[in-house]
Amino acid sequence: PPPDTCPMDAPTPGLPQLHLHDGCATLTLHRPAHHNRLHVEDLQALLQHFEQLARRSDVQVLVLTGTGASFCSGFHIGSIDEGPASTNAGPRLFEQTVDALEALALPTVCRLNGSVYGGATDLALACDFRVGVDSMTLRMPAVRLGLHYYPSGLQRYVSRLGLGAAKRLFMLAETVPAATLLRIGYLDGVCPADQLDAEVQHLVDALRAGAPLALRGMKASLNELARGTADLAELRARENHCAASDDLREGKAAFAEKRAPRFQGR
């Protein structure tokens, strides 16, 4: 059957499109002629999609991807005005959008159909997993533009990749090939373009096989630990919630009966 299209996703040229099908959401950046660069209206649309997904319990996984030759070229530089007020709408909204993606409870996979530049490197990093084509490259040109990157993005880079890798990507502004991105942990997988969908589907299937309560709880706890904001009482509360859940009882029964579990997320 064709995928469901959410009401807010009536085909508006250029805006990101969200499709739901069989418990999986696919969010596609839609400006291929401009390497899927993000304008203010794109960021507003992404935030709306994230807010909708946060309210839905029937969606298990989100896949973020792009159309055309590139995944995304980042925020539209021409939208940055001069002067102190410029740090307003565009850049601040970009930061809020990426932080909202990271904050989603459901697991997320970035399907990097091509190269990634600028702020889009952080958009991808906010996902839980990233798989890219072997021809892709990454470049973070902030210092060549005179930009100091926003704090939450710097924190994401350092907490996920380590200080050395973050300094290399930000301070040298090098064009980094896929093999190096895999080695430093930016990518979780690299493959030829004709194998990308299969690699992404493998991750999606693995995530959907997990118990939703445990999966979402551990995602939140791991991110908090990485940021240094974890509260032991909150981590214990999530642990106890799962220990008393129907999902755990189902998991134990399925293990004993040598069958696949049928989790309900409660």
Protein backbone atom coordinates (compact mmCIF):
# COMPACT_ATOMS: atom_id res chain seq x y z
CA PRO A 1 0.00 0.00 0.00
CA PRO A 2 1.20 3.58 -0.60
CA PRO A 3 2.65 5.41 2.42
CA ASP A 4 0.43 7.72 4.43
CA THR A 5 1.07 11.43 3.94
CA CYS A 6 0.52 13.55 7.03
CA PRO A 7 -1.95 16.45 6.68
CA MET A 8 0.77 19.04 7.23
CA ASP A 9 2.73 17.52 4.38
CA ALA A 10 0.57 18.63 1.48
CA PRO A 11 3.08 18.83 -1.38
CA THR A 12 4.63 22.27 -1.01
CA PRO A 13 7.58 22.64 -3.40
CA GLY A 14 10.86 22.64 -1.53
CA LEU A 15 9.62 21.91 1.97
CA PRO A 16 10.66 18.71 3.78
CA GLN A 17 8.15 15.90 3.27
CA LEU A 18 7.10 13.44 5.99
CA HIS A 19 5.69 10.02 5.08
CA LEU A 20 4.47 7.37 7.50
CA HIS A 21 4.26 3.71 6.58
CA ASP A 22 4.00 0.59 8.73
CA GLY A 23 5.37 2.19 11.89
CA CYS A 24 8.27 3.95 10.19
CA ALA A 25 8.50 7.67 9.37
CA THR A 26 10.65 8.98 6.52
CA LEU A 27 11.45 12.69 6.46
CA THR A 28 12.95 13.86 3.16
CA LEU A 29 14.71 17.16 2.47
CA HIS A 30 13.40 18.47 -0.81
CA ARG A 31 15.56 21.11 -2.52
CA PRO A 32 17.81 18.98 -4.77
CA ALA A 33 18.62 21.85 -7.13
CA HIS A 34 20.31 23.64 -4.20
CA HIS A 35 21.77 20.57 -2.48
CA ASN A 36 18.85 20.56 -0.04
CA ARG A 37 19.93 23.75 1.68
CA LEU A 38 17.68 24.74 4.55
CA HIS A 39 15.73 28.00 4.57
CA VAL A 40 13.81 29.40 7.53
CA GLU A 41 10.58 27.91 6.20
CA ASP A 42 12.25 24.49 5.97
CA LEU A 43 13.33 24.70 9.59
CA GLN A 44 9.81 25.67 10.63
CA ALA A 45 8.43 22.69 8.70
CA LEU A 46 10.96 20.34 10.30
CA LEU A 47 9.99 21.56 13.76
CA GLN A 48 6.32 20.92 12.97
CA HIS A 49 7.15 17.40 11.82
CA PHE A 50 9.20 16.71 14.97
CA GLU A 51 6.36 18.01 17.16
CA GLN A 52 3.90 15.72 15.37
CA LEU A 53 6.19 12.70 15.71
CA ALA A 54 6.69 13.40 19.41
CA ARG A 55 2.91 13.04 19.91
CA ARG A 56 2.57 9.75 18.02
CA SER A 57 3.04 6.45 19.82
CA ASP A 58 2.52 4.38 16.67
CA VAL A 59 5.75 5.48 14.98
CA GLN A 60 8.76 3.39 15.99
CA VAL A 61 11.63 4.80 13.90
CA LEU A 62 12.40 7.99 11.96
CA VAL A 63 14.63 7.97 8.86
CA LEU A 64 15.97 11.37 7.76
CA THR A 65 17.26 11.65 4.19
CA GLY A 66 17.53 13.94 1.16
CA THR A 67 16.80 14.01 -2.55
CA GLY A 68 19.30 14.43 -5.35
CA ALA A 69 23.10 14.30 -5.27
CA SER A 70 23.64 15.68 -1.74
CA PHE A 71 22.14 15.04 1.66
CA CYS A 72 22.16 18.69 2.68
CA SER A 73 24.33 21.81 2.31
CA GLY A 74 23.22 23.30 5.62
CA PHE A 75 21.58 26.62 6.39
CA HIS A 76 21.14 29.09 3.54
CA ILE A 77 24.08 31.46 4.13
CA GLY A 78 22.32 34.24 2.25
CA SER A 79 19.73 34.32 5.03
CA ILE A 80 22.30 35.45 7.60
CA ASP A 81 22.10 39.23 7.95
CA GLU A 82 24.85 41.42 9.27
CA GLY A 83 24.90 42.82 12.79
CA PRO A 84 24.03 41.45 16.26
CA ALA A 85 20.35 40.97 15.38
CA SER A 86 21.35 38.47 12.75
CA THR A 87 21.78 35.74 15.33
CA ASN A 88 17.99 35.81 15.59
CA ALA A 89 15.63 33.94 13.30
CA GLY A 90 17.82 31.79 11.08
CA PRO A 91 20.80 30.58 13.12
CA ARG A 92 18.87 30.36 16.40
CA LEU A 93 16.05 28.53 14.68
CA PHE A 94 18.57 26.14 13.14
CA GLU A 95 19.97 25.33 16.58
CA GLN A 96 16.46 24.78 17.98
CA THR A 97 15.60 22.49 15.08
CA VAL A 98 18.65 20.27 15.51
CA ASP A 99 18.15 20.12 19.28
CA ALA A 100 14.50 19.12 18.71
CA LEU A 101 15.61 16.27 16.46
CA GLU A 102 18.04 14.99 19.08
CA ALA A 103 15.33 15.26 21.76
CA LEU A 104 12.88 12.98 19.94
CA ALA A 105 12.12 9.92 22.05
CA LEU A 106 11.91 7.56 19.09
CA PRO A 107 15.16 6.25 17.55
CA THR A 108 16.42 8.05 14.44
CA VAL A 109 18.55 7.03 11.45
CA CYS A 110 20.15 9.44 8.99
CA ARG A 111 20.28 8.08 5.45
CA LEU A 112 23.08 10.12 3.88
CA ASN A 113 22.35 9.83 0.17
CA GLY A 114 25.25 12.21 -0.60
CA SER A 115 27.64 14.75 0.84
CA VAL A 116 26.90 16.90 3.86
CA TYR A 117 28.06 20.43 4.59
CA GLY A 118 27.88 23.09 7.28
CA GLY A 119 25.09 22.89 9.81
CA ALA A 120 23.68 19.80 8.14
CA THR A 121 26.64 17.88 9.57
CA ASP A 122 25.12 18.56 13.00
CA LEU A 123 21.60 17.73 11.80
CA ALA A 124 22.88 14.28 10.84
CA LEU A 125 24.86 13.99 14.08
CA ALA A 126 21.69 14.61 16.09
CA CYS A 127 20.35 11.30 14.75
CA ASP A 128 21.14 8.13 16.65
CA PHE A 129 22.72 6.39 13.65
CA ARG A 130 24.16 7.49 10.29
CA VAL A 131 24.71 5.45 7.14
CA GLY A 132 26.23 7.07 4.06
CA VAL A 133 27.20 6.33 0.48
CA ASP A 134 30.89 5.67 -0.08
CA SER A 135 31.22 8.65 -2.44
CA MET A 136 30.07 11.22 0.14
CA THR A 137 32.23 13.82 1.84
CA LEU A 138 31.76 16.17 4.80
CA ARG A 139 32.91 19.74 5.23
CA MET A 140 32.29 22.13 8.10
CA PRO A 141 33.39 25.57 6.75
CA ALA A 142 32.33 27.76 9.72
CA VAL A 143 35.81 29.17 10.39
CA ARG A 144 36.26 30.00 6.70
CA LEU A 145 33.08 32.08 6.92
CA GLY A 146 33.93 33.78 10.20
CA LEU A 147 31.25 31.93 12.15
CA HIS A 148 31.49 30.63 15.72
CA TYR A 149 29.29 27.55 15.92
CA TYR A 150 26.41 27.36 18.40
CA PRO A 151 27.08 25.70 21.79
CA SER A 152 24.81 22.65 21.57
CA GLY A 153 26.32 21.71 18.21
CA LEU A 154 29.86 21.92 19.58
CA GLN A 155 28.80 19.81 22.54
CA ARG A 156 27.28 17.20 20.24
CA TYR A 157 30.49 16.96 18.22
CA VAL A 158 32.73 16.64 21.27
CA SER A 159 30.49 14.18 23.14
CA ARG A 160 29.97 11.93 20.12
CA LEU A 161 33.27 12.14 18.26
CA GLY A 162 35.80 13.30 20.88
CA LEU A 163 37.73 16.55 21.14
CA GLY A 164 40.38 15.65 18.57
CA ALA A 165 37.91 14.79 15.82
CA ALA A 166 35.79 17.84 16.62
CA LYS A 167 38.81 20.14 16.36
CA ARG A 168 39.84 18.58 13.07
CA LEU A 169 36.42 18.99 11.51
CA PHE A 170 35.74 22.50 12.84
CA MET A 171 39.15 24.17 12.91
CA LEU A 172 40.72 22.77 9.73
CA ALA A 173 37.54 22.92 7.61
CA GLU A 174 38.84 19.99 5.57
CA THR A 175 36.82 18.00 3.08
CA VAL A 176 36.65 14.60 4.77
CA PRO A 177 35.93 11.38 2.82
CA ALA A 178 33.49 8.67 3.88
CA ALA A 179 36.21 6.22 4.95
CA THR A 180 37.61 8.74 7.44
CA LEU A 181 34.13 9.59 8.70
CA LEU A 182 33.59 5.90 9.39
CA ARG A 183 36.92 5.65 11.20
CA ILE A 184 36.27 8.61 13.52
CA GLY A 185 32.76 7.41 14.33
CA TYR A 186 30.75 10.01 12.45
CA LEU A 187 29.31 7.26 10.25
CA ASP A 188 28.06 3.92 11.52
CA GLY A 189 28.14 2.42 8.04
CA VAL A 190 29.38 3.15 4.51
CA CYS A 191 28.21 1.41 1.35
CA PRO A 192 27.76 1.85 -2.41
CA ALA A 193 24.68 3.84 -3.38
CA ASP A 194 22.83 0.75 -4.62
CA GLN A 195 23.15 -0.84 -1.16
CA LEU A 196 22.12 2.20 0.89
CA ASP A 197 18.46 1.30 1.28
CA ALA A 198 19.32 -2.22 2.41
CA GLU A 199 21.83 -0.92 4.99
CA VAL A 200 19.30 1.56 6.35
CA GLN A 201 16.59 -1.09 6.45
CA HIS A 202 18.89 -3.36 8.45
CA LEU A 203 19.19 -0.66 11.13
CA VAL A 204 15.46 0.09 11.04
CA ASP A 205 14.59 -3.59 11.46
CA ALA A 206 17.02 -3.95 14.37
CA LEU A 207 15.54 -0.91 16.12
CA ARG A 208 11.96 -2.06 15.56
CA ALA A 209 12.82 -5.43 17.09
CA GLY A 210 13.60 -3.76 20.42
CA ALA A 211 11.14 -3.10 23.23
CA PRO A 212 9.95 0.51 22.80
CA LEU A 213 10.06 1.41 26.51
CA ALA A 214 13.60 0.14 26.93
CA LEU A 215 14.76 1.56 23.60
CA ARG A 216 13.43 5.07 24.20
CA GLY A 217 14.46 5.10 27.84
CA MET A 218 18.03 4.07 27.11
CA LYS A 219 18.30 6.57 24.24
CA ALA A 220 17.38 9.38 26.65
CA SER A 221 19.72 8.09 29.37
CA LEU A 222 22.68 7.64 27.00
CA ASN A 223 22.26 11.14 25.56
CA GLU A 224 22.07 12.63 29.05
CA LEU A 225 25.18 10.75 30.12
CA ALA A 226 27.03 11.99 27.03
CA ARG A 227 26.04 15.61 27.80
CA GLY A 228 26.89 15.27 31.48
CA THR A 229 23.29 16.08 32.47
CA ALA A 230 22.20 12.63 33.67
CA ASP A 231 20.29 12.38 36.95
CA LEU A 232 20.74 9.04 38.72
CA ALA A 233 17.21 9.10 40.13
CA GLU A 234 15.77 9.59 36.64
CA LEU A 235 17.90 6.76 35.23
CA ARG A 236 16.73 4.49 38.07
CA ALA A 237 13.11 5.49 37.40
CA ARG A 238 13.43 4.43 33.76
CA GLU A 239 15.09 1.19 34.85
CA ASN A 240 12.27 0.45 37.29
CA HIS A 241 9.61 1.37 34.73
CA CYS A 242 10.99 -1.21 32.32
CA ALA A 243 11.40 -3.79 35.10
CA ALA A 244 7.66 -3.56 35.83
CA SER A 245 6.54 -3.41 32.20
CA ASP A 246 4.42 -5.74 30.11
CA ASP A 247 7.22 -5.54 27.53
CA LEU A 248 9.67 -7.24 29.89
CA ARG A 249 7.16 -9.97 30.71
CA GLU A 250 6.59 -10.50 26.98
CA GLY A 251 10.33 -10.52 26.30
CA LYS A 252 10.93 -13.19 28.94
CA ALA A 253 8.04 -15.30 27.66
CA ALA A 254 9.23 -15.02 24.07
CA PHE A 255 12.75 -16.03 25.11
CA ALA A 256 11.45 -19.09 26.96
CA GLU A 257 9.19 -20.07 24.07
CA LYS A 258 11.88 -19.45 21.45
CA ARG A 259 9.77 -17.01 19.42
CA ALA A 260 9.91 -13.37 18.39
CA PRO A 261 8.49 -11.03 21.06
CA ARG A 262 5.40 -8.94 20.42
CA PHE A 263 6.07 -5.73 22.31
CA GLN A 264 3.32 -3.19 22.98
CA GLY A 265 5.37 -0.34 24.43
CA ARG A 266 3.89 -0.56 27.90
